[in-house]
Amino acid sequence: LNKSLAITTSLESRGTYICEVQFQRRTLTASVDLDLVQV
């Protein structure tokens, strides 16, 4: 039941990540934005 994504952040990693799980009747999607705290 776990479809999580593991990454190592970089400046190019900022953006929107979309998780898609395909079922027989339809595809469920969930999105999350990744942002970096910078000094």
Full PDB file with SEQRES, HELIX, SHEET, SSBOND, CRYST1, ORIGX, SCALE, CONECT and MASTER records, all heavy atoms in Angstrom:
SEQRES   1 A   39  LEU ASN LYS SER LEU ALA ILE THR THR SER LEU GLU SER          
SEQRES   2 A   39  ARG GLY THR TYR ILE CYS GLU VAL GLN PHE GLN ARG ARG          
SEQRES   3 A   39  THR LEU THR ALA SER VAL ASP LEU ASP LEU VAL GLN VAL          
HELIX    1 AA1 LEU A   11  SER A   13  5                                   3    
SHEET    1 AA1 2 GLY A  15  GLN A  22  0                                        
SHEET    2 AA1 2 THR A  27  LEU A  34 -1                                        
CRYST1    1.000    1.000    1.000  90.00  90.00  90.00 P 1           1          
ORIGX1      1.000000  0.000000  0.000000        0.00000                         
ORIGX2      0.000000  1.000000  0.000000        0.00000                         
ORIGX3      0.000000  0.000000  1.000000        0.00000                         
SCALE1      1.000000  0.000000  0.000000        0.00000                         
SCALE2      0.000000  1.000000  0.000000        0.00000                         
SCALE3      0.000000  0.000000  1.000000        0.00000                         
ATOM      1  N   LEU A   1       0.815  -1.207   0.000  1.00  0.00           N  
ATOM      2  CA  LEU A   1       0.000   0.000   0.000  1.00  0.00           C  
ATOM      3  C   LEU A   1       0.853   1.263   0.000  1.00  0.00           C  
ATOM      4  O   LEU A   1       0.314   2.358   0.012  1.00  0.00           O  
ATOM      5  CB  LEU A   1      -0.926   0.016   1.221  1.00  0.00           C  
ATOM      6  CG  LEU A   1      -1.829  -1.199   1.406  1.00  0.00           C  
ATOM      7  CD1 LEU A   1      -2.670  -1.046   2.662  1.00  0.00           C  
ATOM      8  CD2 LEU A   1      -2.715  -1.399   0.197  1.00  0.00           C  
ATOM      9  N   ASN A   2       2.161   1.105  -0.024  1.00  0.00           N  
ATOM     10  CA  ASN A   2       3.086   2.244   0.094  1.00  0.00           C  
ATOM     11  C   ASN A   2       3.707   2.534  -1.262  1.00  0.00           C  
ATOM     12  O   ASN A   2       4.449   1.723  -1.814  1.00  0.00           O  
ATOM     13  CB  ASN A   2       4.161   1.917   1.125  1.00  0.00           C  
ATOM     14  CG  ASN A   2       5.092   3.089   1.373  1.00  0.00           C  
ATOM     15  OD1 ASN A   2       4.945   4.157   0.779  1.00  0.00           O  
ATOM     16  ND2 ASN A   2       6.056   2.890   2.251  1.00  0.00           N  
ATOM     17  N   LYS A   3       3.422   3.692  -1.811  1.00  0.00           N  
ATOM     18  CA  LYS A   3       3.979   4.104  -3.100  1.00  0.00           C  
ATOM     19  C   LYS A   3       4.798   5.386  -2.956  1.00  0.00           C  
ATOM     20  O   LYS A   3       4.826   6.232  -3.850  1.00  0.00           O  
ATOM     21  CB  LYS A   3       2.837   4.318  -4.116  1.00  0.00           C  
ATOM     22  CG  LYS A   3       1.947   3.102  -4.286  1.00  0.00           C  
ATOM     23  CD  LYS A   3       2.743   1.897  -4.697  1.00  0.00           C  
ATOM     24  CE  LYS A   3       1.931   0.618  -4.572  1.00  0.00           C  
ATOM     25  NZ  LYS A   3       2.750  -0.588  -4.766  1.00  0.00           N  
ATOM     26  N   SER A   4       5.445   5.558  -1.817  1.00  0.00           N  
ATOM     27  CA  SER A   4       6.193   6.774  -1.543  1.00  0.00           C  
ATOM     28  C   SER A   4       7.448   6.849  -2.409  1.00  0.00           C  
ATOM     29  O   SER A   4       7.943   5.847  -2.925  1.00  0.00           O  
ATOM     30  CB  SER A   4       6.581   6.833  -0.062  1.00  0.00           C  
ATOM     31  OG  SER A   4       5.426   6.788   0.748  1.00  0.00           O  
ATOM     32  N   LEU A   5       7.980   8.068  -2.544  1.00  0.00           N  
ATOM     33  CA  LEU A   5       9.131   8.341  -3.403  1.00  0.00           C  
ATOM     34  C   LEU A   5      10.250   8.916  -2.562  1.00  0.00           C  
ATOM     35  O   LEU A   5      10.054   9.889  -1.825  1.00  0.00           O  
ATOM     36  CB  LEU A   5       8.742   9.323  -4.512  1.00  0.00           C  
ATOM     37  CG  LEU A   5       9.858   9.766  -5.459  1.00  0.00           C  
ATOM     38  CD1 LEU A   5      10.334   8.599  -6.305  1.00  0.00           C  
ATOM     39  CD2 LEU A   5       9.389  10.907  -6.339  1.00  0.00           C  
ATOM     40  N   ALA A   6      11.455   8.316  -2.661  1.00  0.00           N  
ATOM     41  CA  ALA A   6      12.625   8.789  -1.912  1.00  0.00           C  
ATOM     42  C   ALA A   6      13.562   9.520  -2.860  1.00  0.00           C  
ATOM     43  O   ALA A   6      13.938   8.991  -3.906  1.00  0.00           O  
ATOM     44  CB  ALA A   6      13.347   7.612  -1.254  1.00  0.00           C  
ATOM     45  N   ILE A   7      13.949  10.748  -2.499  1.00  0.00           N  
ATOM     46  CA  ILE A   7      14.860  11.539  -3.323  1.00  0.00           C  
ATOM     47  C   ILE A   7      15.852  12.254  -2.415  1.00  0.00           C  
ATOM     48  O   ILE A   7      15.667  12.323  -1.206  1.00  0.00           O  
ATOM     49  CB  ILE A   7      14.120  12.569  -4.195  1.00  0.00           C  
ATOM     50  CG1 ILE A   7      13.427  13.609  -3.308  1.00  0.00           C  
ATOM     51  CG2 ILE A   7      13.140  11.906  -5.129  1.00  0.00           C  
ATOM     52  CD1 ILE A   7      12.850  14.775  -4.082  1.00  0.00           C  
ATOM     53  N   THR A   8      16.921  12.781  -3.014  1.00  0.00           N  
ATOM     54  CA  THR A   8      17.855  13.681  -2.344  1.00  0.00           C  
ATOM     55  C   THR A   8      17.718  15.045  -2.993  1.00  0.00           C  
ATOM     56  O   THR A   8      17.824  15.174  -4.216  1.00  0.00           O  
ATOM     57  CB  THR A   8      19.301  13.168  -2.454  1.00  0.00           C  
ATOM     58  OG1 THR A   8      19.386  11.872  -1.842  1.00  0.00           O  
ATOM     59  CG2 THR A   8      20.261  14.109  -1.741  1.00  0.00           C  
ATOM     60  N   THR A   9      17.486  16.055  -2.192  1.00  0.00           N  
ATOM     61  CA  THR A   9      17.121  17.362  -2.723  1.00  0.00           C  
ATOM     62  C   THR A   9      18.302  18.064  -3.384  1.00  0.00           C  
ATOM     63  O   THR A   9      19.468  17.868  -3.014  1.00  0.00           O  
ATOM     64  CB  THR A   9      16.573  18.258  -1.602  1.00  0.00           C  
ATOM     65  OG1 THR A   9      17.579  18.408  -0.596  1.00  0.00           O  
ATOM     66  CG2 THR A   9      15.335  17.650  -0.996  1.00  0.00           C  
ATOM     67  N   SER A  10      17.961  18.875  -4.354  1.00  0.00           N  
ATOM     68  CA  SER A  10      18.895  19.786  -5.021  1.00  0.00           C  
ATOM     69  C   SER A  10      18.095  21.006  -5.448  1.00  0.00           C  
ATOM     70  O   SER A  10      16.871  21.053  -5.284  1.00  0.00           O  
ATOM     71  CB  SER A  10      19.555  19.112  -6.221  1.00  0.00           C  
ATOM     72  OG  SER A  10      18.588  18.805  -7.210  1.00  0.00           O  
ATOM     73  N   LEU A  11      18.775  21.999  -5.984  1.00  0.00           N  
ATOM     74  CA  LEU A  11      18.052  23.193  -6.422  1.00  0.00           C  
ATOM     75  C   LEU A  11      17.061  22.864  -7.526  1.00  0.00           C  
ATOM     76  O   LEU A  11      16.028  23.519  -7.664  1.00  0.00           O  
ATOM     77  CB  LEU A  11      19.049  24.256  -6.907  1.00  0.00           C  
ATOM     78  CG  LEU A  11      19.904  24.908  -5.812  1.00  0.00           C  
ATOM     79  CD1 LEU A  11      20.896  25.883  -6.439  1.00  0.00           C  
ATOM     80  CD2 LEU A  11      19.033  25.618  -4.792  1.00  0.00           C  
ATOM     81  N   GLU A  12      17.355  21.823  -8.315  1.00  0.00           N  
ATOM     82  CA  GLU A  12      16.458  21.431  -9.401  1.00  0.00           C  
ATOM     83  C   GLU A  12      15.295  20.572  -8.906  1.00  0.00           C  
ATOM     84  O   GLU A  12      14.403  20.228  -9.693  1.00  0.00           O  
ATOM     85  CB  GLU A  12      17.232  20.666 -10.479  1.00  0.00           C  
ATOM     86  CG  GLU A  12      18.270  21.498 -11.228  1.00  0.00           C  
ATOM     87  CD  GLU A  12      19.521  21.747 -10.407  1.00  0.00           C  
ATOM     88  OE1 GLU A  12      19.747  20.987  -9.435  1.00  0.00           O  
ATOM     89  OE2 GLU A  12      20.253  22.710 -10.732  1.00  0.00           O  
ATOM     90  N   SER A  13      15.313  20.193  -7.621  1.00  0.00           N  
ATOM     91  CA  SER A  13      14.248  19.329  -7.091  1.00  0.00           C  
ATOM     92  C   SER A  13      12.974  20.095  -6.772  1.00  0.00           C  
ATOM     93  O   SER A  13      11.940  19.483  -6.517  1.00  0.00           O  
ATOM     94  CB  SER A  13      14.735  18.609  -5.826  1.00  0.00           C  
ATOM     95  OG  SER A  13      15.872  17.827  -6.093  1.00  0.00           O  
ATOM     96  N   ARG A  14      13.040  21.416  -6.730  1.00  0.00           N  
ATOM     97  CA  ARG A  14      11.853  22.206  -6.372  1.00  0.00           C  
ATOM     98  C   ARG A  14      10.802  22.096  -7.465  1.00  0.00           C  
ATOM     99  O   ARG A  14      11.102  22.266  -8.648  1.00  0.00           O  
ATOM    100  CB  ARG A  14      12.251  23.667  -6.151  1.00  0.00           C  
ATOM    101  CG  ARG A  14      13.132  23.882  -4.953  1.00  0.00           C  
ATOM    102  CD  ARG A  14      13.630  25.308  -4.867  1.00  0.00           C  
ATOM    103  NE  ARG A  14      14.521  25.632  -5.988  1.00  0.00           N  
ATOM    104  CZ  ARG A  14      15.080  26.807  -6.172  1.00  0.00           C  
ATOM    105  NH1 ARG A  14      14.816  27.796  -5.326  1.00  0.00           N  
ATOM    106  NH2 ARG A  14      15.887  27.015  -7.198  1.00  0.00           N  
ATOM    107  N   GLY A  15       9.570  21.792  -7.043  1.00  0.00           N  
ATOM    108  CA  GLY A  15       8.478  21.666  -7.997  1.00  0.00           C  
ATOM    109  C   GLY A  15       7.341  20.841  -7.422  1.00  0.00           C  
ATOM    110  O   GLY A  15       7.238  20.629  -6.208  1.00  0.00           O  
ATOM    111  N   THR A  16       6.481  20.365  -8.285  1.00  0.00           N  
ATOM    112  CA  THR A  16       5.300  19.587  -7.897  1.00  0.00           C  
ATOM    113  C   THR A  16       5.500  18.129  -8.270  1.00  0.00           C  
ATOM    114  O   THR A  16       5.850  17.817  -9.417  1.00  0.00           O  
ATOM    115  CB  THR A  16       4.042  20.134  -8.591  1.00  0.00           C  
ATOM    116  OG1 THR A  16       3.876  21.517  -8.249  1.00  0.00           O  
ATOM    117  CG2 THR A  16       2.813  19.364  -8.155  1.00  0.00           C  
ATOM    118  N   TYR A  17       5.268  17.242  -7.309  1.00  0.00           N  
ATOM    119  CA  TYR A  17       5.393  15.799  -7.528  1.00  0.00           C  
ATOM    120  C   TYR A  17       3.992  15.189  -7.503  1.00  0.00           C  
ATOM    121  O   TYR A  17       3.206  15.440  -6.582  1.00  0.00           O  
ATOM    122  CB  TYR A  17       6.273  15.166  -6.458  1.00  0.00           C  
ATOM    123  CG  TYR A  17       7.728  15.573  -6.568  1.00  0.00           C  
ATOM    124  CD1 TYR A  17       8.163  16.793  -6.065  1.00  0.00           C  
ATOM    125  CD2 TYR A  17       8.654  14.745  -7.194  1.00  0.00           C  
ATOM    126  CE1 TYR A  17       9.488  17.181  -6.179  1.00  0.00           C  
ATOM    127  CE2 TYR A  17       9.989  15.122  -7.308  1.00  0.00           C  
ATOM    128  CZ  TYR A  17      10.400  16.345  -6.794  1.00  0.00           C  
ATOM    129  OH  TYR A  17      11.703  16.709  -6.920  1.00  0.00           O  
ATOM    130  N   ILE A  18       3.691  14.386  -8.514  1.00  0.00           N  
ATOM    131  CA  ILE A  18       2.358  13.810  -8.683  1.00  0.00           C  
ATOM    132  C   ILE A  18       2.458  12.289  -8.581  1.00  0.00           C  
ATOM    133  O   ILE A  18       3.172  11.651  -9.365  1.00  0.00           O  
ATOM    134  CB  ILE A  18       1.751  14.208 -10.042  1.00  0.00           C  
ATOM    135  CG1 ILE A  18       1.726  15.742 -10.169  1.00  0.00           C  
ATOM    136  CG2 ILE A  18       0.345  13.638 -10.198  1.00  0.00           C  
ATOM    137  CD1 ILE A  18       1.370  16.215 -11.558  1.00  0.00           C  
ATOM    138  N   CYS A  19       1.742  11.726  -7.590  1.00  0.00           N  
ATOM    139  CA  CYS A  19       1.694  10.265  -7.409  1.00  0.00           C  
ATOM    140  C   CYS A  19       0.443   9.735  -8.102  1.00  0.00           C  
ATOM    141  O   CYS A  19      -0.656  10.242  -7.883  1.00  0.00           O  
ATOM    142  CB  CYS A  19       1.663   9.929  -5.920  1.00  0.00           C  
ATOM    143  SG  CYS A  19       1.422   8.170  -5.567  1.00  0.00           S  
ATOM    144  N   GLU A  20       0.622   8.733  -8.944  1.00  0.00           N  
ATOM    145  CA  GLU A  20      -0.497   8.119  -9.666  1.00  0.00           C  
ATOM    146  C   GLU A  20      -0.540   6.629  -9.359  1.00  0.00           C  
ATOM    147  O   GLU A  20       0.454   5.926  -9.521  1.00  0.00           O  
ATOM    148  CB  GLU A  20      -0.345   8.328 -11.177  1.00  0.00           C  
ATOM    149  CG  GLU A  20      -0.421   9.790 -11.601  1.00  0.00           C  
ATOM    150  CD  GLU A  20      -0.355   9.946 -13.113  1.00  0.00           C  
ATOM    151  OE1 GLU A  20       0.055   8.978 -13.784  1.00  0.00           O  
ATOM    152  OE2 GLU A  20      -0.705  11.024 -13.625  1.00  0.00           O  
ATOM    153  N   VAL A  21      -1.712   6.173  -8.896  1.00  0.00           N  
ATOM    154  CA  VAL A  21      -1.935   4.744  -8.640  1.00  0.00           C  
ATOM    155  C   VAL A  21      -3.065   4.285  -9.543  1.00  0.00           C  
ATOM    156  O   VAL A  21      -4.171   4.824  -9.474  1.00  0.00           O  
ATOM    157  CB  VAL A  21      -2.265   4.477  -7.160  1.00  0.00           C  
ATOM    158  CG1 VAL A  21      -2.505   2.991  -6.934  1.00  0.00           C  
ATOM    159  CG2 VAL A  21      -1.138   4.979  -6.261  1.00  0.00           C  
ATOM    160  N   GLN A  22      -2.765   3.310 -10.384  1.00  0.00           N  
ATOM    161  CA  GLN A  22      -3.735   2.841 -11.370  1.00  0.00           C  
ATOM    162  C   GLN A  22      -4.584   1.710 -10.785  1.00  0.00           C  
ATOM    163  O   GLN A  22      -4.047   0.748 -10.217  1.00  0.00           O  
ATOM    164  CB  GLN A  22      -3.027   2.347 -12.638  1.00  0.00           C  
ATOM    165  CG  GLN A  22      -2.312   3.444 -13.425  1.00  0.00           C  
ATOM    166  CD  GLN A  22      -0.958   3.795 -12.867  1.00  0.00           C  
ATOM    167  OE1 GLN A  22      -0.297   2.955 -12.291  1.00  0.00           O  
ATOM    168  NE2 GLN A  22      -0.533   5.046 -13.045  1.00  0.00           N  
ATOM    169  N   PHE A  23      -5.908   1.860 -10.914  1.00  0.00           N  
ATOM    170  CA  PHE A  23      -6.857   0.811 -10.560  1.00  0.00           C  
ATOM    171  C   PHE A  23      -7.589   0.376 -11.834  1.00  0.00           C  
ATOM    172  O   PHE A  23      -7.410   0.983 -12.890  1.00  0.00           O  
ATOM    173  CB  PHE A  23      -7.865   1.323  -9.528  1.00  0.00           C  
ATOM    174  CG  PHE A  23      -7.265   1.574  -8.171  1.00  0.00           C  
ATOM    175  CD1 PHE A  23      -6.615   2.768  -7.903  1.00  0.00           C  
ATOM    176  CD2 PHE A  23      -7.350   0.622  -7.175  1.00  0.00           C  
ATOM    177  CE1 PHE A  23      -6.069   3.008  -6.665  1.00  0.00           C  
ATOM    178  CE2 PHE A  23      -6.808   0.857  -5.926  1.00  0.00           C  
ATOM    179  CZ  PHE A  23      -6.162   2.047  -5.672  1.00  0.00           C  
ATOM    180  N   GLN A  24      -8.396  -0.653 -11.710  1.00  0.00           N  
ATOM    181  CA  GLN A  24      -9.108  -1.156 -12.884  1.00  0.00           C  
ATOM    182  C   GLN A  24     -10.112  -0.138 -13.401  1.00  0.00           C  
ATOM    183  O   GLN A  24     -10.275   0.020 -14.605  1.00  0.00           O  
ATOM    184  CB  GLN A  24      -9.809  -2.474 -12.543  1.00  0.00           C  
ATOM    185  CG  GLN A  24      -8.860  -3.633 -12.282  1.00  0.00           C  
ATOM    186  CD  GLN A  24      -9.602  -4.905 -11.924  1.00  0.00           C  
ATOM    187  OE1 GLN A  24     -10.823  -4.920 -11.821  1.00  0.00           O  
ATOM    188  NE2 GLN A  24      -8.862  -5.984 -11.735  1.00  0.00           N  
ATOM    189  N   ARG A  25     -10.777   0.578 -12.488  1.00  0.00           N  
ATOM    190  CA  ARG A  25     -11.830   1.498 -12.926  1.00  0.00           C  
ATOM    191  C   ARG A  25     -11.304   2.886 -13.242  1.00  0.00           C  
ATOM    192  O   ARG A  25     -11.833   3.572 -14.103  1.00  0.00           O  
ATOM    193  CB  ARG A  25     -12.930   1.589 -11.857  1.00  0.00           C  
ATOM    194  CG  ARG A  25     -13.685   0.298 -11.646  1.00  0.00           C  
ATOM    195  CD  ARG A  25     -15.037   0.562 -10.984  1.00  0.00           C  
ATOM    196  NE  ARG A  25     -14.936   1.169  -9.681  1.00  0.00           N  
ATOM    197  CZ  ARG A  25     -15.001   0.510  -8.536  1.00  0.00           C  
ATOM    198  NH1 ARG A  25     -15.140  -0.807  -8.564  1.00  0.00           N  
ATOM    199  NH2 ARG A  25     -14.926   1.142  -7.387  1.00  0.00           N  
ATOM    200  N   ARG A  26     -10.268   3.350 -12.534  1.00  0.00           N  
ATOM    201  CA  ARG A  26      -9.764   4.692 -12.754  1.00  0.00           C  
ATOM    202  C   ARG A  26      -8.394   4.830 -12.112  1.00  0.00           C  
ATOM    203  O   ARG A  26      -7.913   3.908 -11.453  1.00  0.00           O  
ATOM    204  CB  ARG A  26     -10.732   5.749 -12.203  1.00  0.00           C  
ATOM    205  CG  ARG A  26     -10.873   5.707 -10.702  1.00  0.00           C  
ATOM    206  CD  ARG A  26     -11.971   6.622 -10.199  1.00  0.00           C  
ATOM    207  NE  ARG A  26     -11.755   8.005 -10.586  1.00  0.00           N  
ATOM    208  CZ  ARG A  26     -12.684   8.751 -11.154  1.00  0.00           C  
ATOM    209  NH1 ARG A  26     -13.878   8.220 -11.407  1.00  0.00           N  
ATOM    210  NH2 ARG A  26     -12.456   9.998 -11.471  1.00  0.00           N  
ATOM    211  N   THR A  27      -7.779   5.984 -12.272  1.00  0.00           N  
ATOM    212  CA  THR A  27      -6.465   6.279 -11.694  1.00  0.00           C  
ATOM    213  C   THR A  27      -6.628   7.359 -10.633  1.00  0.00           C  
ATOM    214  O   THR A  27      -7.220   8.407 -10.881  1.00  0.00           O  
ATOM    215  CB  THR A  27      -5.480   6.756 -12.774  1.00  0.00           C  
ATOM    216  OG1 THR A  27      -5.289   5.711 -13.729  1.00  0.00           O  
ATOM    217  CG2 THR A  27      -4.141   7.119 -12.156  1.00  0.00           C  
ATOM    218  N   LEU A  28      -6.103   7.068  -9.450  1.00  0.00           N  
ATOM    219  CA  LEU A  28      -6.116   8.040  -8.370  1.00  0.00           C  
ATOM    220  C   LEU A  28      -4.809   8.828  -8.376  1.00  0.00           C  
ATOM    221  O   LEU A  28      -3.731   8.259  -8.605  1.00  0.00           O  
ATOM    222  CB  LEU A  28      -6.281   7.352  -7.016  1.00  0.00           C  
ATOM    223  CG  LEU A  28      -7.608   6.631  -6.767  1.00  0.00           C  
ATOM    224  CD1 LEU A  28      -7.621   6.030  -5.365  1.00  0.00           C  
ATOM    225  CD2 LEU A  28      -8.787   7.574  -6.943  1.00  0.00           C  
ATOM    226  N   THR A  29      -4.899  10.122  -8.134  1.00  0.00           N  
ATOM    227  CA  THR A  29      -3.713  10.977  -8.123  1.00  0.00           C  
ATOM    228  C   THR A  29      -3.671  11.798  -6.840  1.00  0.00           C  
ATOM    229  O   THR A  29      -4.703  12.141  -6.266  1.00  0.00           O  
ATOM    230  CB  THR A  29      -3.700  11.937  -9.332  1.00  0.00           C  
ATOM    231  OG1 THR A  29      -4.847  12.797  -9.264  1.00  0.00           O  
ATOM    232  CG2 THR A  29      -3.719  11.161 -10.627  1.00  0.00           C  
ATOM    233  N   ALA A  30      -2.456  12.079  -6.409  1.00  0.00           N  
ATOM    234  CA  ALA A  30      -2.222  12.977  -5.269  1.00  0.00           C  
ATOM    235  C   ALA A  30      -0.947  13.739  -5.561  1.00  0.00           C  
ATOM    236  O   ALA A  30       0.018  13.190  -6.109  1.00  0.00           O  
ATOM    237  CB  ALA A  30      -2.094  12.186  -3.965  1.00  0.00           C  
ATOM    238  N   SER A  31      -0.934  15.015  -5.237  1.00  0.00           N  
ATOM    239  CA  SER A  31       0.224  15.849  -5.539  1.00  0.00           C  
ATOM    240  C   SER A  31       0.710  16.555  -4.291  1.00  0.00           C  
ATOM    241  O   SER A  31      -0.052  16.804  -3.351  1.00  0.00           O  
ATOM    242  CB  SER A  31      -0.122  16.880  -6.618  1.00  0.00           C  
ATOM    243  OG  SER A  31      -1.126  17.763  -6.168  1.00  0.00           O  
ATOM    244  N   VAL A  32       2.003  16.875  -4.290  1.00  0.00           N  
ATOM    245  CA  VAL A  32       2.610  17.619  -3.203  1.00  0.00           C  
ATOM    246  C   VAL A  32       3.730  18.479  -3.788  1.00  0.00           C  
ATOM    247  O   VAL A  32       4.418  18.071  -4.735  1.00  0.00           O  
ATOM    248  CB  VAL A  32       3.159  16.654  -2.122  1.00  0.00           C  
ATOM    249  CG1 VAL A  32       4.261  15.768  -2.662  1.00  0.00           C  
ATOM    250  CG2 VAL A  32       3.643  17.432  -0.911  1.00  0.00           C  
ATOM    251  N   ASP A  33       3.873  19.680  -3.248  1.00  0.00           N  
ATOM    252  CA  ASP A  33       4.929  20.593  -3.686  1.00  0.00           C  
ATOM    253  C   ASP A  33       6.129  20.463  -2.758  1.00  0.00           C  
ATOM    254  O   ASP A  33       5.977  20.357  -1.535  1.00  0.00           O  
ATOM    255  CB  ASP A  33       4.435  22.038  -3.682  1.00  0.00           C  
ATOM    256  CG  ASP A  33       3.409  22.296  -4.775  1.00  0.00           C  
ATOM    257  OD1 ASP A  33       3.499  21.633  -5.824  1.00  0.00           O  
ATOM    258  OD2 ASP A  33       2.508  23.134  -4.585  1.00  0.00           O  
ATOM    259  N   LEU A  34       7.329  20.496  -3.357  1.00  0.00           N  
ATOM    260  CA  LEU A  34       8.573  20.456  -2.595  1.00  0.00           C  
ATOM    261  C   LEU A  34       9.275  21.795  -2.741  1.00  0.00           C  
ATOM    262  O   LEU A  34       9.486  22.281  -3.861  1.00  0.00           O  
ATOM    263  CB  LEU A  34       9.479  19.327  -3.095  1.00  0.00           C  
ATOM    264  CG  LEU A  34      10.859  19.249  -2.445  1.00  0.00           C  
ATOM    265  CD1 LEU A  34      10.737  18.962  -0.952  1.00  0.00           C  
ATOM    266  CD2 LEU A  34      11.719  18.178  -3.115  1.00  0.00           C  
ATOM    267  N   ASP A  35       9.630  22.393  -1.611  1.00  0.00           N  
ATOM    268  CA  ASP A  35      10.346  23.671  -1.624  1.00  0.00           C  
ATOM    269  C   ASP A  35      11.508  23.587  -0.642  1.00  0.00           C  
ATOM    270  O   ASP A  35      11.488  22.792   0.312  1.00  0.00           O  
ATOM    271  CB  ASP A  35       9.409  24.820  -1.245  1.00  0.00           C  
ATOM    272  CG  ASP A  35       9.972  26.177  -1.646  1.00  0.00           C  
ATOM    273  OD1 ASP A  35      11.033  26.201  -2.304  1.00  0.00           O  
ATOM    274  OD2 ASP A  35       9.359  27.200  -1.305  1.00  0.00           O  
ATOM    275  N   LEU A  36      12.541  24.403  -0.868  1.00  0.00           N  
ATOM    276  CA  LEU A  36      13.749  24.393  -0.056  1.00  0.00           C  
ATOM    277  C   LEU A  36      13.861  25.690   0.727  1.00  0.00           C  
ATOM    278  O   LEU A  36      13.577  26.774   0.203  1.00  0.00           O  
ATOM    279  CB  LEU A  36      14.987  24.216  -0.936  1.00  0.00           C  
ATOM    280  CG  LEU A  36      15.030  22.956  -1.801  1.00  0.00           C  
ATOM    281  CD1 LEU A  36      16.314  22.922  -2.607  1.00  0.00           C  
ATOM    282  CD2 LEU A  36      14.913  21.694  -0.952  1.00  0.00           C  
ATOM    283  N   VAL A  37      14.285  25.566   1.988  1.00  0.00           N  
ATOM    284  CA  VAL A  37      14.581  26.732   2.815  1.00  0.00           C  
ATOM    285  C   VAL A  37      16.031  27.122   2.550  1.00  0.00           C  
ATOM    286  O   VAL A  37      16.950  26.336   2.776  1.00  0.00           O  
ATOM    287  CB  VAL A  37      14.360  26.434   4.309  1.00  0.00           C  
ATOM    288  CG1 VAL A  37      14.627  27.669   5.145  1.00  0.00           C  
ATOM    289  CG2 VAL A  37      12.947  25.926   4.543  1.00  0.00           C  
ATOM    290  N   GLN A  38      16.264  28.345   2.075  1.00  0.00           N  
ATOM    291  CA  GLN A  38      17.597  28.787   1.677  1.00  0.00           C  
ATOM    292  C   GLN A  38      17.994  30.047   2.447  1.00  0.00           C  
ATOM    293  O   GLN A  38      17.152  30.889   2.746  1.00  0.00           O  
ATOM    294  CB  GLN A  38      17.640  29.095   0.183  1.00  0.00           C  
ATOM    295  CG  GLN A  38      17.262  27.910  -0.710  1.00  0.00           C  
ATOM    296  CD  GLN A  38      17.299  28.296  -2.164  1.00  0.00           C  
ATOM    297  OE1 GLN A  38      18.360  28.429  -2.765  1.00  0.00           O  
ATOM    298  NE2 GLN A  38      16.123  28.501  -2.741  1.00  0.00           N  
ATOM    299  N   VAL A  39      19.297  30.150   2.736  1.00  0.00           N  
ATOM    300  CA  VAL A  39      19.868  31.340   3.363  1.00  0.00           C  
ATOM    301  C   VAL A  39      20.815  31.984   2.358  1.00  0.00           C  
ATOM    302  O   VAL A  39      21.771  31.344   1.894  1.00  0.00           O  
ATOM    303  CB  VAL A  39      20.606  30.993   4.665  1.00  0.00           C  
ATOM    304  CG1 VAL A  39      21.296  32.232   5.234  1.00  0.00           C  
ATOM    305  CG2 VAL A  39      19.635  30.421   5.680  1.00  0.00           C  
TER     306      VAL A  39                                                      
MASTER        0    0    0    1    2    0    0    6  305    1    0    3          
END                                                                             
